[in-house]
Protein backbone atom coordinates (compact mmCIF):
# COMPACT_ATOMS: atom_id res chain seq x y z
CA UNK A 1 52.46 39.23 74.98
CA UNK A 2 49.32 39.99 72.99
CA UNK A 3 49.35 41.30 69.43
CA UNK A 4 47.71 44.55 70.60
CA UNK A 5 50.47 45.09 73.17
CA UNK A 6 53.23 44.43 70.61
CA UNK A 7 51.70 46.97 68.20
CA UNK A 8 51.45 49.65 70.88
CA UNK A 9 55.05 48.95 71.95
CA UNK A 10 56.29 49.23 68.36
CA UNK A 11 54.53 52.56 67.89
CA UNK A 12 56.02 53.85 71.15
CA UNK A 13 59.52 52.81 70.11
CA UNK A 14 59.11 54.47 66.73
CA UNK A 15 57.97 57.67 68.42
CA UNK A 16 61.08 57.64 70.61
CA UNK A 17 63.34 57.22 67.55
CA UNK A 18 61.58 60.04 65.66
CA UNK A 19 61.79 62.34 68.68
CA UNK A 20 65.48 61.60 69.07
CA UNK A 21 66.04 62.31 65.39
CA UNK A 22 64.26 65.64 65.66
CA UNK A 23 66.26 66.57 68.73
CA UNK A 24 69.57 65.94 66.90
CA UNK A 25 68.75 67.94 63.74
CA UNK A 26 71.67 70.36 63.20
CA UNK A 27 71.02 74.07 63.50
CA UNK A 28 70.79 76.05 60.22
CA UNK A 29 74.18 77.15 58.91
CA UNK A 30 74.85 80.85 58.27
CA UNK A 31 76.88 80.35 55.11
CA UNK A 32 77.67 84.06 54.73
CA UNK A 33 79.23 84.14 58.19
CA UNK A 34 80.98 80.84 57.57
CA UNK A 35 82.48 82.13 54.31
CA UNK A 36 83.61 85.34 56.02
CA UNK A 37 85.28 83.36 58.80
CA UNK A 38 87.08 81.17 56.26
CA UNK A 39 88.28 84.21 54.31
CA UNK A 40 89.53 86.01 57.40
CA UNK A 41 91.35 82.90 58.59
CA UNK A 42 93.18 82.73 55.26
CA UNK A 43 94.78 86.18 55.58
CA UNK A 44 96.92 88.00 58.10
CA UNK A 45 98.15 91.53 58.72
CA UNK A 46 101.41 92.15 56.92
CA UNK A 47 103.01 95.49 56.26
CA UNK A 48 100.38 98.05 55.28
CA UNK A 49 97.95 95.33 54.18
CA UNK A 50 95.62 94.90 57.17
CA UNK A 51 92.66 92.61 57.74
CA UNK A 52 90.33 95.59 57.78
CA UNK A 53 90.45 95.40 53.97
CA UNK A 54 88.08 92.46 54.31
CA UNK A 55 85.44 94.56 56.10
CA UNK A 56 82.60 95.58 53.77
CA UNK A 57 80.71 98.85 53.88
CA UNK A 58 76.99 99.11 53.08
CA UNK A 59 77.36 99.38 49.31
CA UNK A 60 79.80 96.47 49.13
CA UNK A 61 77.46 94.27 51.16
CA UNK A 62 74.50 95.22 48.98
CA UNK A 63 76.39 94.37 45.79
CA UNK A 64 78.06 91.14 46.97
CA UNK A 65 74.96 89.00 47.19
CA UNK A 66 73.55 86.58 44.62
CA UNK A 67 71.14 89.25 43.33
CA UNK A 68 71.64 92.99 42.76
CA UNK A 69 70.09 95.38 45.29
CA UNK A 70 66.55 96.57 44.75
CA UNK A 71 66.31 99.79 42.69
CA UNK A 72 65.27 101.89 45.68
CA UNK A 73 68.21 100.55 47.71
CA UNK A 74 70.62 101.24 44.84
CA UNK A 75 69.33 104.81 44.47
CA UNK A 76 69.78 105.44 48.20
CA UNK A 77 73.35 104.11 48.13
CA UNK A 78 74.17 106.21 45.05
CA UNK A 79 72.78 109.35 46.67
CA UNK A 80 74.87 108.75 49.79
CA UNK A 81 77.99 108.21 47.68
CA UNK A 82 77.35 111.35 45.63
CA UNK A 83 76.89 113.40 48.79
CA UNK A 84 80.37 112.32 49.90
CA UNK A 85 82.17 113.47 46.73
CA UNK A 86 84.52 116.35 47.60
CA UNK A 87 85.45 118.83 44.84
CA UNK A 88 89.12 119.79 44.51
CA UNK A 89 90.55 122.72 46.40
CA UNK A 90 89.93 126.10 44.75
CA UNK A 91 87.84 124.38 42.08
CA UNK A 92 90.92 123.32 40.11
CA UNK A 93 89.94 120.09 38.38
CA UNK A 94 92.77 119.60 35.89
CA UNK A 95 96.47 119.04 36.42
CA UNK A 96 99.19 117.75 34.09
CA UNK A 97 98.09 115.18 31.51
CA UNK A 98 101.68 113.91 31.15
CA UNK A 99 101.66 112.92 34.80
CA UNK A 100 98.18 111.51 34.29
CA UNK A 101 99.47 109.22 31.55
CA UNK A 102 102.16 107.91 33.90
CA UNK A 103 99.49 107.19 36.50
CA UNK A 104 97.28 105.46 33.92
CA UNK A 105 100.18 103.16 33.05
CA UNK A 106 101.13 102.45 36.66
CA UNK A 107 99.39 99.57 38.41
CA UNK A 108 101.61 99.61 41.47
CA UNK A 109 100.42 100.25 44.99
CA UNK A 110 98.91 99.10 48.29
CA UNK A 111 100.66 95.73 48.42
CA UNK A 112 102.06 94.49 51.73
CA UNK A 113 105.60 95.21 50.53
CA UNK A 114 104.92 98.87 49.66
CA UNK A 115 105.89 101.38 52.36
CA UNK A 116 102.81 102.85 54.00
CA UNK A 117 101.96 106.22 52.50
CA UNK A 118 103.79 105.60 49.22
CA UNK A 119 102.07 106.86 46.06
CA UNK A 120 99.79 104.48 44.15
CA UNK A 121 99.24 104.21 40.44
CA UNK A 122 95.87 104.59 38.74
CA UNK A 123 96.13 101.41 36.64
CA UNK A 124 93.61 102.87 34.16
CA UNK A 125 94.83 100.84 31.19
CA UNK A 126 94.03 97.65 33.04
CA UNK A 127 90.33 98.24 32.26
CA UNK A 128 90.17 100.94 29.55
CA UNK A 129 91.51 101.90 26.18
CA UNK A 130 92.82 105.45 26.44
CA UNK A 131 95.59 106.82 24.23
CA UNK A 132 95.71 105.33 20.74
CA UNK A 133 99.47 104.74 20.92
CA UNK A 134 99.01 102.21 23.75
CA UNK A 135 97.83 98.92 22.27
CA UNK A 136 97.87 96.95 25.53
CA UNK A 137 94.73 97.63 27.53
CA UNK A 138 91.84 95.86 29.23
CA UNK A 139 88.23 95.80 28.13
CA UNK A 140 86.49 95.41 31.48
CA UNK A 141 85.52 99.08 31.25
CA UNK A 142 84.45 101.13 28.21
CA UNK A 143 86.94 102.77 25.88
CA UNK A 144 87.94 106.25 27.04
CA UNK A 145 89.66 107.19 23.79
CA UNK A 146 88.49 110.66 22.73
CA UNK A 147 86.75 110.98 26.10
CA UNK A 148 86.82 114.76 26.22
CA UNK A 149 86.62 115.27 22.48
CA UNK A 150 83.44 113.22 22.11
CA UNK A 151 81.85 115.23 24.89
CA UNK A 152 82.69 118.55 23.30
CA UNK A 153 85.25 119.68 25.86
CA UNK A 154 87.34 122.24 23.97
CA UNK A 155 88.27 124.30 27.01
CA UNK A 156 87.79 122.61 30.42
CA UNK A 157 87.59 126.07 32.02
CA UNK A 158 84.60 127.00 29.86
CA UNK A 159 81.39 127.02 31.98
CA UNK A 160 79.68 125.04 29.21
CA UNK A 161 82.01 122.14 29.98
CA UNK A 162 81.43 122.35 33.75
CA UNK A 163 78.82 119.54 33.98
CA UNK A 164 81.02 116.93 32.25
CA UNK A 165 84.10 118.09 34.19
CA UNK A 166 82.27 117.75 37.51
CA UNK A 167 80.74 114.42 36.50
CA UNK A 168 84.15 113.05 35.55
CA UNK A 169 85.60 114.16 38.88
CA UNK A 170 82.72 112.48 40.70
CA UNK A 171 83.20 109.28 38.71
CA UNK A 172 86.89 109.16 39.63
CA UNK A 173 86.20 110.11 43.24
CA UNK A 174 83.50 107.50 43.81
CA UNK A 175 82.06 105.64 40.82
CA UNK A 176 79.34 104.17 43.04
CA UNK A 177 77.73 107.61 43.10
CA UNK A 178 76.47 106.85 39.58
CA UNK A 179 76.24 103.05 39.69
CA UNK A 180 75.98 101.47 43.13
CA UNK A 181 77.55 98.20 42.00
CA UNK A 182 80.24 99.68 39.76
CA UNK A 183 83.47 97.70 39.81
CA UNK A 184 85.59 100.83 39.32
CA UNK A 185 87.95 101.73 42.17
CA UNK A 186 86.78 104.59 44.39
CA UNK A 187 89.96 106.63 43.95
CA UNK A 188 89.00 109.63 46.08
CA UNK A 189 86.66 107.98 48.57
CA UNK A 190 89.20 105.30 49.46
CA UNK A 191 92.16 107.72 49.17
CA UNK A 192 93.75 105.50 46.54
CA UNK A 193 94.94 108.60 44.68
CA UNK A 194 95.78 112.02 46.08
CA UNK A 195 93.91 115.12 44.93
CA UNK A 196 96.85 116.09 42.71
CA UNK A 197 96.96 112.62 41.14
CA UNK A 198 93.24 112.79 40.40
CA UNK A 199 93.71 116.22 38.81
CA UNK A 200 96.42 114.74 36.58
CA UNK A 201 94.16 111.85 35.50
CA UNK A 202 91.39 114.39 34.85
CA UNK A 203 93.77 116.28 32.54
CA UNK A 204 94.56 113.07 30.69
CA UNK A 205 90.85 112.56 30.05
CA UNK A 206 89.79 116.13 29.31
CA UNK A 207 92.72 118.27 28.15
CA UNK A 208 92.42 118.77 24.37
CA UNK A 209 96.23 118.40 24.15
CA UNK A 210 96.16 115.00 25.85
CA UNK A 211 96.83 111.95 23.63
CA UNK A 212 93.44 110.66 24.75
CA UNK A 213 91.81 113.42 22.71
CA UNK A 214 94.05 113.33 19.61
């Protein structure tokens, strides 16, 4: 065998090895889909807690990535959320602040062991300071102490107070209407609280007699 033949043979063998290596390169991995599959395989339906809780809507998908959505995307999502906010029946925004305080203290609800349809709590103190008498509260959200007082709400029925009353209702109903990637629960949109419960929490925030505003 001549040297020239051995060189050509070596190059041919190398080409075969390279081609084989290229043919066996694994396909790109869709890590998002892989993560979703792993999450779904780790849970099961039990009681009222169903696997559909793992399904994301458009705003959740946009805000779950490594980077926040582009400003124009965020504005579109916020506008869609705001359009879905439903005002209370007969325009009655405020209920009983005493019941609202109970809801703010109550973090119970929506677990697999809760009967379907049972009332949920608002769990407001988990993220916010509210009434001064309660010293146990979270700081994930801003302080809401003096919420109505600081905003000049002396009589929630006064037309002058209408913008802040309506804004507060919208924020409770679907906080993503004002901040697409807000971490606040969408109490009305997701039906976490009933209309009456939301009215009671509104009273806690805005009624001048509420401990929030003392």
